């Protein structure tokens, strides 16, 4: 580790899964943690074990009005904020026609608007200290999608596009952005509390039956180890360089690389048609973006 050996983390959704694993890994590394959770009792043991290095705050990641206050807790308690982890999340599985506007908006609030508010709240302090790492917990579903995942992928695709732009804006201030794209990890995500299924309609029942069965049956047999993933993320936060995107798990590597290959092949297949949309005398753009 070449950066400071002690960092201050703010982690949303820290009560279980990746959030809990990250909080434990950061504390084990000697860092300080603000655990933002909907139910403070769920991480009371962490606070008891590390009373001087762990603060617990009641927080609903969908409520953007709480963002500034949460960041202020970290600054007042520990004096700085080095790593912001937008981790809180869940999924809704169902066909486009089965998902309501309210459900779609809820995931956009949770996976895009909530994280965006927290990032905006954290940036002034990070810019002032000329350092910081923003960890956005995305998914392999933020780079590719499949039937039944439209709502989840829409929110994660949005987070990824927003974060890619953010990365270019904040790099001159010494702030890094890291998008984590996991495959299936052995957390409670598939247990039912974080995974909601719409009522199956007659129209899409047969089409989505394999997807519903696969996701419902994944709990306890997921390939990924959340503790290993957390150790990787904590190590990166302490390092001099981070990638913009990091796939975690073999499945994520294979699926995302396959999506890139298929996308490139399709682009090349239709390249002449695509180019023909330009004016005949147009020249290639020399713009920086």
C-alpha atoms as a PDB file:
ATOM      1  CA  UNK A   1       0.000   0.000   0.000  1.00  0.00           C
ATOM      2  CA  UNK A   2       1.468   3.306  -1.044  1.00  0.00           C
ATOM      3  CA  UNK A   3      -1.290   5.681   0.044  1.00  0.00           C
ATOM      4  CA  UNK A   4      -2.063   6.640   3.641  1.00  0.00           C
ATOM      5  CA  UNK A   5      -2.364   3.567   5.849  1.00  0.00           C
ATOM      6  CA  UNK A   6      -5.479   4.975   7.477  1.00  0.00           C
ATOM      7  CA  UNK A   7      -8.501   6.033   5.454  1.00  0.00           C
ATOM      8  CA  UNK A   8     -12.018   7.104   6.315  1.00  0.00           C
ATOM      9  CA  UNK A   9     -14.785   5.173   4.570  1.00  0.00           C
ATOM     10  CA  UNK A  10     -18.457   5.975   4.170  1.00  0.00           C
ATOM     11  CA  UNK A  11     -20.364   2.855   3.120  1.00  0.00           C
ATOM     12  CA  UNK A  12     -24.080   2.677   2.345  1.00  0.00           C
ATOM     13  CA  UNK A  13     -25.951  -0.588   2.780  1.00  0.00           C
ATOM     14  CA  UNK A  14     -23.311  -1.740   5.271  1.00  0.00           C
ATOM     15  CA  UNK A  15     -25.576  -4.097   7.207  1.00  0.00           C
ATOM     16  CA  UNK A  16     -24.972  -7.164   5.014  1.00  0.00           C
ATOM     17  CA  UNK A  17     -23.512  -8.462   1.784  1.00  0.00           C
ATOM     18  CA  UNK A  18     -20.806  -6.454   0.076  1.00  0.00           C
ATOM     19  CA  UNK A  19     -21.379  -3.483   2.370  1.00  0.00           C
ATOM     20  CA  UNK A  20     -20.826  -5.515   5.521  1.00  0.00           C
ATOM     21  CA  UNK A  21     -17.803  -7.279   4.021  1.00  0.00           C
ATOM     22  CA  UNK A  22     -16.285  -3.939   3.014  1.00  0.00           C
ATOM     23  CA  UNK A  23     -16.839  -2.438   6.450  1.00  0.00           C
ATOM     24  CA  UNK A  24     -15.181  -5.430   8.112  1.00  0.00           C
ATOM     25  CA  UNK A  25     -12.254  -5.401   5.648  1.00  0.00           C
ATOM     26  CA  UNK A  26     -11.669  -1.671   6.036  1.00  0.00           C
ATOM     27  CA  UNK A  27     -11.726  -1.925   9.834  1.00  0.00           C
ATOM     28  CA  UNK A  28      -9.368  -4.912   9.701  1.00  0.00           C
ATOM     29  CA  UNK A  29      -6.988  -2.783   7.622  1.00  0.00           C
ATOM     30  CA  UNK A  30      -6.928  -0.166  10.378  1.00  0.00           C
ATOM     31  CA  UNK A  31      -9.249   2.261   8.611  1.00  0.00           C
ATOM     32  CA  UNK A  32     -12.236   4.136  10.005  1.00  0.00           C
ATOM     33  CA  UNK A  33     -15.778   3.513   8.806  1.00  0.00           C
ATOM     34  CA  UNK A  34     -19.087   5.333   8.760  1.00  0.00           C
ATOM     35  CA  UNK A  35     -21.663   2.575   8.238  1.00  0.00           C
ATOM     36  CA  UNK A  36     -24.855   4.005   6.745  1.00  0.00           C
ATOM     37  CA  UNK A  37     -27.739   1.600   7.239  1.00  0.00           C
ATOM     38  CA  UNK A  38     -31.512   1.596   7.496  1.00  0.00           C
ATOM     39  CA  UNK A  39     -31.376  -0.452  10.723  1.00  0.00           C
ATOM     40  CA  UNK A  40     -28.513   0.602  13.028  1.00  0.00           C
ATOM     41  CA  UNK A  41     -28.879  -2.493  15.231  1.00  0.00           C
ATOM     42  CA  UNK A  42     -27.720  -4.608  12.281  1.00  0.00           C
ATOM     43  CA  UNK A  43     -24.149  -3.304  12.665  1.00  0.00           C
ATOM     44  CA  UNK A  44     -24.123  -2.632  16.399  1.00  0.00           C
ATOM     45  CA  UNK A  45     -21.563  -5.403  16.828  1.00  0.00           C
ATOM     46  CA  UNK A  46     -19.105  -3.595  14.563  1.00  0.00           C
ATOM     47  CA  UNK A  47     -19.485  -0.420  16.560  1.00  0.00           C
ATOM     48  CA  UNK A  48     -18.962  -2.282  19.832  1.00  0.00           C
ATOM     49  CA  UNK A  49     -15.856  -3.984  18.493  1.00  0.00           C
ATOM     50  CA  UNK A  50     -14.399  -0.751  17.095  1.00  0.00           C
ATOM     51  CA  UNK A  51     -15.886   2.093  19.165  1.00  0.00           C
ATOM     52  CA  UNK A  52     -13.229   4.620  18.129  1.00  0.00           C
ATOM     53  CA  UNK A  53     -13.154   3.694  14.449  1.00  0.00           C
ATOM     54  CA  UNK A  54     -16.742   2.829  13.505  1.00  0.00           C
ATOM     55  CA  UNK A  55     -19.705   5.189  13.455  1.00  0.00           C
ATOM     56  CA  UNK A  56     -23.203   4.001  12.577  1.00  0.00           C
ATOM     57  CA  UNK A  57     -25.788   6.296  10.994  1.00  0.00           C
ATOM     58  CA  UNK A  58     -29.403   5.587  10.150  1.00  0.00           C
ATOM     59  CA  UNK A  59     -29.725   6.287   6.421  1.00  0.00           C
ATOM     60  CA  UNK A  60     -32.108   5.579   3.548  1.00  0.00           C
ATOM     61  CA  UNK A  61     -30.107   5.640   0.314  1.00  0.00           C
ATOM     62  CA  UNK A  62     -33.214   6.641  -1.666  1.00  0.00           C
ATOM     63  CA  UNK A  63     -33.636   9.866   0.319  1.00  0.00           C
ATOM     64  CA  UNK A  64     -31.383  12.422  -1.361  1.00  0.00           C
ATOM     65  CA  UNK A  65     -32.106  15.003   1.339  1.00  0.00           C
ATOM     66  CA  UNK A  66     -30.034  12.951   3.826  1.00  0.00           C
ATOM     67  CA  UNK A  67     -26.835  13.012   1.749  1.00  0.00           C
ATOM     68  CA  UNK A  68     -25.257  16.211   3.048  1.00  0.00           C
ATOM     69  CA  UNK A  69     -25.902  15.290   6.667  1.00  0.00           C
ATOM     70  CA  UNK A  70     -24.361  11.851   6.220  1.00  0.00           C
ATOM     71  CA  UNK A  71     -21.160  13.271   4.751  1.00  0.00           C
ATOM     72  CA  UNK A  72     -21.038  15.801   7.560  1.00  0.00           C
ATOM     73  CA  UNK A  73     -21.089  12.980  10.115  1.00  0.00           C
ATOM     74  CA  UNK A  74     -17.924  11.527   8.569  1.00  0.00           C
ATOM     75  CA  UNK A  75     -16.200  14.921   8.532  1.00  0.00           C
ATOM     76  CA  UNK A  76     -17.164  15.789  12.088  1.00  0.00           C
ATOM     77  CA  UNK A  77     -16.361  12.360  13.536  1.00  0.00           C
ATOM     78  CA  UNK A  78     -13.161  11.565  11.652  1.00  0.00           C
ATOM     79  CA  UNK A  79     -12.042  14.853  10.079  1.00  0.00           C
ATOM     80  CA  UNK A  80     -11.994  13.740   6.450  1.00  0.00           C
ATOM     81  CA  UNK A  81     -13.557  11.409   3.884  1.00  0.00           C
ATOM     82  CA  UNK A  82     -11.306   9.237   1.742  1.00  0.00           C
ATOM     83  CA  UNK A  83     -13.563   6.529   0.304  1.00  0.00           C
ATOM     84  CA  UNK A  84     -17.250   6.798  -0.522  1.00  0.00           C
ATOM     85  CA  UNK A  85     -18.926   3.484  -1.339  1.00  0.00           C
ATOM     86  CA  UNK A  86     -22.378   3.617  -2.905  1.00  0.00           C
ATOM     87  CA  UNK A  87     -23.387   0.047  -2.208  1.00  0.00           C
ATOM     88  CA  UNK A  88     -27.061  -0.014  -1.176  1.00  0.00           C
ATOM     89  CA  UNK A  89     -29.150  -1.803  -3.767  1.00  0.00           C
ATOM     90  CA  UNK A  90     -31.697  -4.407  -4.699  1.00  0.00           C
ATOM     91  CA  UNK A  91     -33.303  -5.881  -7.819  1.00  0.00           C
ATOM     92  CA  UNK A  92     -36.718  -6.203  -9.402  1.00  0.00           C
ATOM     93  CA  UNK A  93     -37.186  -9.064 -11.841  1.00  0.00           C
ATOM     94  CA  UNK A  94     -39.963  -8.984 -14.390  1.00  0.00           C
ATOM     95  CA  UNK A  95     -40.810  -8.217 -17.996  1.00  0.00           C
ATOM     96  CA  UNK A  96     -41.005  -4.594 -19.090  1.00  0.00           C
ATOM     97  CA  UNK A  97     -44.797  -4.839 -19.223  1.00  0.00           C
ATOM     98  CA  UNK A  98     -44.923  -6.320 -15.732  1.00  0.00           C
ATOM     99  CA  UNK A  99     -42.885  -3.602 -13.971  1.00  0.00           C
ATOM    100  CA  UNK A 100     -44.711  -0.481 -12.841  1.00  0.00           C
ATOM    101  CA  UNK A 101     -43.471   3.102 -13.145  1.00  0.00           C
ATOM    102  CA  UNK A 102     -43.203   3.227  -9.351  1.00  0.00           C
ATOM    103  CA  UNK A 103     -40.911   0.179  -9.282  1.00  0.00           C
ATOM    104  CA  UNK A 104     -38.719   1.541 -12.060  1.00  0.00           C
ATOM    105  CA  UNK A 105     -38.446   4.916 -10.333  1.00  0.00           C
ATOM    106  CA  UNK A 106     -37.590   3.258  -7.028  1.00  0.00           C
ATOM    107  CA  UNK A 107     -34.551   1.517  -8.485  1.00  0.00           C
ATOM    108  CA  UNK A 108     -33.455   4.680 -10.259  1.00  0.00           C
ATOM    109  CA  UNK A 109     -33.700   6.501  -6.922  1.00  0.00           C
ATOM    110  CA  UNK A 110     -31.712   3.781  -5.172  1.00  0.00           C
ATOM    111  CA  UNK A 111     -29.028   3.164  -7.801  1.00  0.00           C
ATOM    112  CA  UNK A 112     -28.646   6.572  -9.472  1.00  0.00           C
ATOM    113  CA  UNK A 113     -30.204   9.565  -7.723  1.00  0.00           C
ATOM    114  CA  UNK A 114     -29.180   8.475  -4.227  1.00  0.00           C
ATOM    115  CA  UNK A 115     -25.544   7.828  -5.188  1.00  0.00           C
ATOM    116  CA  UNK A 116     -25.445  11.031  -7.226  1.00  0.00           C
ATOM    117  CA  UNK A 117     -26.576  13.070  -4.219  1.00  0.00           C
ATOM    118  CA  UNK A 118     -23.940  11.481  -1.985  1.00  0.00           C
ATOM    119  CA  UNK A 119     -21.185  12.089  -4.520  1.00  0.00           C
ATOM    120  CA  UNK A 120     -22.166  15.745  -4.854  1.00  0.00           C
ATOM    121  CA  UNK A 121     -22.135  16.072  -1.073  1.00  0.00           C
ATOM    122  CA  UNK A 122     -18.720  14.408  -0.761  1.00  0.00           C
ATOM    123  CA  UNK A 123     -16.888  16.169  -3.578  1.00  0.00           C
ATOM    124  CA  UNK A 124     -16.190  19.535  -1.870  1.00  0.00           C
ATOM    125  CA  UNK A 125     -14.298  17.794   0.961  1.00  0.00           C
ATOM    126  CA  UNK A 126     -12.456  15.489  -1.431  1.00  0.00           C
ATOM    127  CA  UNK A 127     -11.497  18.386  -3.694  1.00  0.00           C
ATOM    128  CA  UNK A 128     -10.232  20.364  -0.705  1.00  0.00           C
ATOM    129  CA  UNK A 129      -7.979  17.487   0.390  1.00  0.00           C
ATOM    130  CA  UNK A 130      -7.021  16.781  -3.258  1.00  0.00           C
ATOM    131  CA  UNK A 131      -7.742  13.078  -2.892  1.00  0.00           C
ATOM    132  CA  UNK A 132     -10.525  10.541  -2.629  1.00  0.00           C
ATOM    133  CA  UNK A 133     -11.928   7.364  -4.109  1.00  0.00           C
ATOM    134  CA  UNK A 134     -15.564   6.957  -5.137  1.00  0.00           C
ATOM    135  CA  UNK A 135     -16.564   3.298  -5.326  1.00  0.00           C
ATOM    136  CA  UNK A 136     -19.780   2.651  -7.229  1.00  0.00           C
ATOM    137  CA  UNK A 137     -21.150  -0.837  -6.752  1.00  0.00           C
ATOM    138  CA  UNK A 138     -22.556  -1.652 -10.165  1.00  0.00           C
ATOM    139  CA  UNK A 139     -22.976  -5.138 -11.606  1.00  0.00           C
ATOM    140  CA  UNK A 140     -22.263  -7.239 -14.641  1.00  0.00           C
ATOM    141  CA  UNK A 141     -25.863  -6.182 -15.280  1.00  0.00           C
ATOM    142  CA  UNK A 142     -24.540  -2.657 -15.728  1.00  0.00           C
ATOM    143  CA  UNK A 143     -22.725  -3.719 -18.907  1.00  0.00           C
ATOM    144  CA  UNK A 144     -25.147  -6.275 -20.368  1.00  0.00           C
ATOM    145  CA  UNK A 145     -28.739  -7.269 -19.824  1.00  0.00           C
ATOM    146  CA  UNK A 146     -31.142 -10.146 -20.350  1.00  0.00           C
ATOM    147  CA  UNK A 147     -34.902 -10.758 -20.296  1.00  0.00           C
ATOM    148  CA  UNK A 148     -36.427  -9.900 -16.942  1.00  0.00           C
ATOM    149  CA  UNK A 149     -33.582  -7.591 -15.863  1.00  0.00           C
ATOM    150  CA  UNK A 150     -34.650  -4.397 -17.637  1.00  0.00           C
ATOM    151  CA  UNK A 151     -35.377  -2.428 -14.462  1.00  0.00           C
ATOM    152  CA  UNK A 152     -32.216  -3.438 -12.644  1.00  0.00           C
ATOM    153  CA  UNK A 153     -29.987  -2.978 -15.687  1.00  0.00           C
ATOM    154  CA  UNK A 154     -31.543   0.381 -16.560  1.00  0.00           C
ATOM    155  CA  UNK A 155     -30.509   1.752 -13.161  1.00  0.00           C
ATOM    156  CA  UNK A 156     -27.023   0.234 -13.291  1.00  0.00           C
ATOM    157  CA  UNK A 157     -26.403   1.310 -16.908  1.00  0.00           C
ATOM    158  CA  UNK A 158     -27.384   4.832 -15.827  1.00  0.00           C
ATOM    159  CA  UNK A 159     -25.012   4.713 -12.856  1.00  0.00           C
ATOM    160  CA  UNK A 160     -22.158   3.594 -15.107  1.00  0.00           C
ATOM    161  CA  UNK A 161     -22.669   6.335 -17.690  1.00  0.00           C
ATOM    162  CA  UNK A 162     -22.997   8.971 -14.987  1.00  0.00           C
ATOM    163  CA  UNK A 163     -19.871   7.700 -13.224  1.00  0.00           C
ATOM    164  CA  UNK A 164     -17.775   7.566 -16.395  1.00  0.00           C
ATOM    165  CA  UNK A 165     -18.442  11.255 -16.971  1.00  0.00           C
ATOM    166  CA  UNK A 166     -17.762  11.975 -13.298  1.00  0.00           C
ATOM    167  CA  UNK A 167     -14.374  10.243 -13.489  1.00  0.00           C
ATOM    168  CA  UNK A 168     -13.143  12.652 -16.146  1.00  0.00           C
ATOM    169  CA  UNK A 169     -14.401  15.689 -14.255  1.00  0.00           C
ATOM    170  CA  UNK A 170     -12.787  14.893 -10.899  1.00  0.00           C
ATOM    171  CA  UNK A 171      -9.489  13.349 -12.009  1.00  0.00           C
ATOM    172  CA  UNK A 172      -7.709  16.759 -12.052  1.00  0.00           C
ATOM    173  CA  UNK A 173      -8.481  17.058  -8.325  1.00  0.00           C
ATOM    174  CA  UNK A 174      -6.866  13.739  -7.429  1.00  0.00           C
ATOM    175  CA  UNK A 175     -10.201  11.929  -7.066  1.00  0.00           C
ATOM    176  CA  UNK A 176     -10.637   8.445  -8.550  1.00  0.00           C
ATOM    177  CA  UNK A 177     -13.830   6.641  -9.573  1.00  0.00           C
ATOM    178  CA  UNK A 178     -14.044   2.852  -9.416  1.00  0.00           C
ATOM    179  CA  UNK A 179     -17.033   0.987 -10.864  1.00  0.00           C
ATOM    180  CA  UNK A 180     -17.327  -2.533  -9.449  1.00  0.00           C
ATOM    181  CA  UNK A 181     -19.075  -5.029 -11.746  1.00  0.00           C
ATOM    182  CA  UNK A 182     -19.624  -8.264  -9.805  1.00  0.00           C
ATOM    183  CA  UNK A 183     -21.160 -11.491 -10.979  1.00  0.00           C
ATOM    184  CA  UNK A 184     -23.075 -13.555  -8.423  1.00  0.00           C
ATOM    185  CA  UNK A 185     -21.576 -13.471  -4.935  1.00  0.00           C
ATOM    186  CA  UNK A 186     -22.619 -15.433  -1.881  1.00  0.00           C
ATOM    187  CA  UNK A 187     -24.548 -12.671  -0.136  1.00  0.00           C
ATOM    188  CA  UNK A 188     -28.228 -12.463   0.808  1.00  0.00           C
ATOM    189  CA  UNK A 189     -29.033 -10.747  -2.503  1.00  0.00           C
ATOM    190  CA  UNK A 190     -30.848 -13.826  -3.851  1.00  0.00           C
ATOM    191  CA  UNK A 191     -32.493 -14.708  -0.549  1.00  0.00           C
ATOM    192  CA  UNK A 192     -35.626 -12.693  -1.201  1.00  0.00           C
ATOM    193  CA  UNK A 193     -35.193  -9.518   0.832  1.00  0.00           C
ATOM    194  CA  UNK A 194     -33.194  -7.787  -1.915  1.00  0.00           C
ATOM    195  CA  UNK A 195     -34.734  -9.589  -4.880  1.00  0.00           C
ATOM    196  CA  UNK A 196     -38.324  -8.808  -5.835  1.00  0.00           C
ATOM    197  CA  UNK A 197     -40.242 -10.709  -8.503  1.00  0.00           C
ATOM    198  CA  UNK A 198     -43.184  -9.131 -10.255  1.00  0.00           C
ATOM    199  CA  UNK A 199     -46.366 -11.146 -10.546  1.00  0.00           C
ATOM    200  CA  UNK A 200     -45.871 -13.364 -13.566  1.00  0.00           C
ATOM    201  CA  UNK A 201     -48.245 -12.568 -16.397  1.00  0.00           C
ATOM    202  CA  UNK A 202     -49.618 -15.168 -18.775  1.00  0.00           C
ATOM    203  CA  UNK A 203     -47.867 -13.388 -21.651  1.00  0.00           C
ATOM    204  CA  UNK A 204     -44.326 -13.700 -20.280  1.00  0.00           C
ATOM    205  CA  UNK A 205     -44.665 -16.605 -17.857  1.00  0.00           C
ATOM    206  CA  UNK A 206     -42.977 -19.136 -20.124  1.00  0.00           C
ATOM    207  CA  UNK A 207     -40.382 -16.690 -21.483  1.00  0.00           C
ATOM    208  CA  UNK A 208     -39.119 -15.682 -18.047  1.00  0.00           C
ATOM    209  CA  UNK A 209     -39.606 -18.958 -16.179  1.00  0.00           C
ATOM    210  CA  UNK A 210     -35.933 -20.020 -16.540  1.00  0.00           C
ATOM    211  CA  UNK A 211     -34.720 -16.578 -15.395  1.00  0.00           C
ATOM    212  CA  UNK A 212     -36.998 -16.542 -12.364  1.00  0.00           C
ATOM    213  CA  UNK A 213     -36.012 -20.089 -11.395  1.00  0.00           C
ATOM    214  CA  UNK A 214     -32.299 -19.401 -11.815  1.00  0.00           C
ATOM    215  CA  UNK A 215     -32.311 -16.257  -9.689  1.00  0.00           C
ATOM    216  CA  UNK A 216     -34.569 -17.706  -7.013  1.00  0.00           C
ATOM    217  CA  UNK A 217     -32.413 -20.820  -6.739  1.00  0.00           C
ATOM    218  CA  UNK A 218     -29.039 -19.091  -6.566  1.00  0.00           C
ATOM    219  CA  UNK A 219     -28.988 -18.313  -2.841  1.00  0.00           C
ATOM    220  CA  UNK A 220     -26.173 -20.109  -1.057  1.00  0.00           C
ATOM    221  CA  UNK A 221     -24.545 -21.469  -4.218  1.00  0.00           C
ATOM    222  CA  UNK A 222     -23.212 -18.251  -5.772  1.00  0.00           C
ATOM    223  CA  UNK A 223     -19.627 -18.583  -6.955  1.00  0.00           C
ATOM    224  CA  UNK A 224     -18.239 -15.313  -5.590  1.00  0.00           C
ATOM    225  CA  UNK A 225     -16.699 -14.817  -2.151  1.00  0.00           C
ATOM    226  CA  UNK A 226     -17.713 -11.379  -0.785  1.00  0.00           C
ATOM    227  CA  UNK A 227     -14.804 -11.335   1.672  1.00  0.00           C
ATOM    228  CA  UNK A 228     -12.313 -11.817  -1.165  1.00  0.00           C
ATOM    229  CA  UNK A 229     -14.049  -9.107  -3.177  1.00  0.00           C
ATOM    230  CA  UNK A 230     -13.942  -6.717  -0.216  1.00  0.00           C
ATOM    231  CA  UNK A 231     -10.228  -7.380   0.301  1.00  0.00           C
ATOM    232  CA  UNK A 232      -9.575  -6.499  -3.348  1.00  0.00           C
ATOM    233  CA  UNK A 233     -11.557  -3.259  -3.129  1.00  0.00           C
ATOM    234  CA  UNK A 234      -9.875  -2.170   0.129  1.00  0.00           C
ATOM    235  CA  UNK A 235      -6.464  -2.923  -1.363  1.00  0.00           C
ATOM    236  CA  UNK A 236      -7.282  -0.831  -4.435  1.00  0.00           C
ATOM    237  CA  UNK A 237      -8.501   2.070  -2.300  1.00  0.00           C
ATOM    238  CA  UNK A 238      -5.077   2.086  -0.628  1.00  0.00           C
ATOM    239  CA  UNK A 239      -3.186   1.880  -3.922  1.00  0.00           C
ATOM    240  CA  UNK A 240      -1.950   4.613  -6.239  1.00  0.00           C
ATOM    241  CA  UNK A 241      -4.014   3.495  -9.235  1.00  0.00           C
ATOM    242  CA  UNK A 242      -7.518   2.151  -9.740  1.00  0.00           C
ATOM    243  CA  UNK A 243      -9.256   1.062 -12.935  1.00  0.00           C
ATOM    244  CA  UNK A 244     -12.441   2.820 -13.972  1.00  0.00           C
ATOM    245  CA  UNK A 245     -14.172  -0.560 -14.180  1.00  0.00           C
ATOM    246  CA  UNK A 246     -13.380  -3.785 -12.372  1.00  0.00           C
ATOM    247  CA  UNK A 247     -15.260  -6.987 -13.120  1.00  0.00           C
ATOM    248  CA  UNK A 248     -15.315  -9.310 -10.105  1.00  0.00           C
ATOM    249  CA  UNK A 249     -15.796 -13.051 -10.475  1.00  0.00           C
ATOM    250  CA  UNK A 250     -15.082 -15.401 -13.375  1.00  0.00           C
ATOM    251  CA  UNK A 251     -18.646 -15.186 -14.642  1.00  0.00           C
ATOM    252  CA  UNK A 252     -18.463 -11.394 -14.825  1.00  0.00           C
ATOM    253  CA  UNK A 253     -15.190 -11.544 -16.756  1.00  0.00           C
ATOM    254  CA  UNK A 254     -16.604 -14.034 -19.258  1.00  0.00           C
ATOM    255  CA  UNK A 255     -19.990 -12.396 -19.686  1.00  0.00           C
ATOM    256  CA  UNK A 256     -18.704  -8.832 -19.971  1.00  0.00           C
ATOM    257  CA  UNK A 257     -15.878  -9.743 -22.344  1.00  0.00           C
ATOM    258  CA  UNK A 258     -18.399 -11.683 -24.443  1.00  0.00           C
ATOM    259  CA  UNK A 259     -20.686  -8.646 -24.556  1.00  0.00           C
ATOM    260  CA  UNK A 260     -17.782  -6.476 -25.737  1.00  0.00           C
ATOM    261  CA  UNK A 261     -16.889  -8.975 -28.459  1.00  0.00           C
ATOM    262  CA  UNK A 262     -20.473  -9.252 -29.692  1.00  0.00           C
ATOM    263  CA  UNK A 263     -20.858  -5.482 -29.667  1.00  0.00           C
ATOM    264  CA  UNK A 264     -17.652  -4.957 -31.646  1.00  0.00           C
ATOM    265  CA  UNK A 265     -18.617  -7.637 -34.162  1.00  0.00           C
ATOM    266  CA  UNK A 266     -22.026  -6.030 -34.698  1.00  0.00           C
ATOM    267  CA  UNK A 267     -20.480  -2.571 -35.029  1.00  0.00           C
ATOM    268  CA  UNK A 268     -18.055  -3.814 -37.668  1.00  0.00           C
ATOM    269  CA  UNK A 269     -20.771  -5.722 -39.515  1.00  0.00           C
ATOM    270  CA  UNK A 270     -22.832  -2.572 -39.932  1.00  0.00           C
ATOM    271  CA  UNK A 271     -19.959  -0.074 -40.160  1.00  0.00           C
ATOM    272  CA  UNK A 272     -20.458   0.773 -43.857  1.00  0.00           C
ATOM    273  CA  UNK A 273     -24.163   1.392 -43.311  1.00  0.00           C
ATOM    274  CA  UNK A 274     -23.374   3.528 -40.290  1.00  0.00           C
ATOM    275  CA  UNK A 275     -20.766   5.613 -42.140  1.00  0.00           C
ATOM    276  CA  UNK A 276     -23.154   6.219 -45.019  1.00  0.00           C
ATOM    277  CA  UNK A 277     -25.271   8.471 -42.774  1.00  0.00           C
ATOM    278  CA  UNK A 278     -22.609  11.239 -42.986  1.00  0.00           C
ATOM    279  CA  UNK A 279     -22.459  13.917 -45.672  1.00  0.00           C
ATOM    280  CA  UNK A 280     -20.397  12.681 -48.604  1.00  0.00           C
ATOM    281  CA  UNK A 281     -17.757  15.399 -48.144  1.00  0.00           C
ATOM    282  CA  UNK A 282     -17.563  15.111 -44.356  1.00  0.00           C
ATOM    283  CA  UNK A 283     -14.149  14.558 -42.765  1.00  0.00           C
ATOM    284  CA  UNK A 284     -13.386  12.562 -39.647  1.00  0.00           C
ATOM    285  CA  UNK A 285     -13.889  14.498 -36.447  1.00  0.00           C
ATOM    286  CA  UNK A 286     -10.805  15.780 -34.622  1.00  0.00           C
ATOM    287  CA  UNK A 287     -12.709  16.701 -31.458  1.00  0.00           C
ATOM    288  CA  UNK A 288     -11.275  15.469 -28.148  1.00  0.00           C
ATOM    289  CA  UNK A 289     -14.500  13.684 -27.212  1.00  0.00           C
END
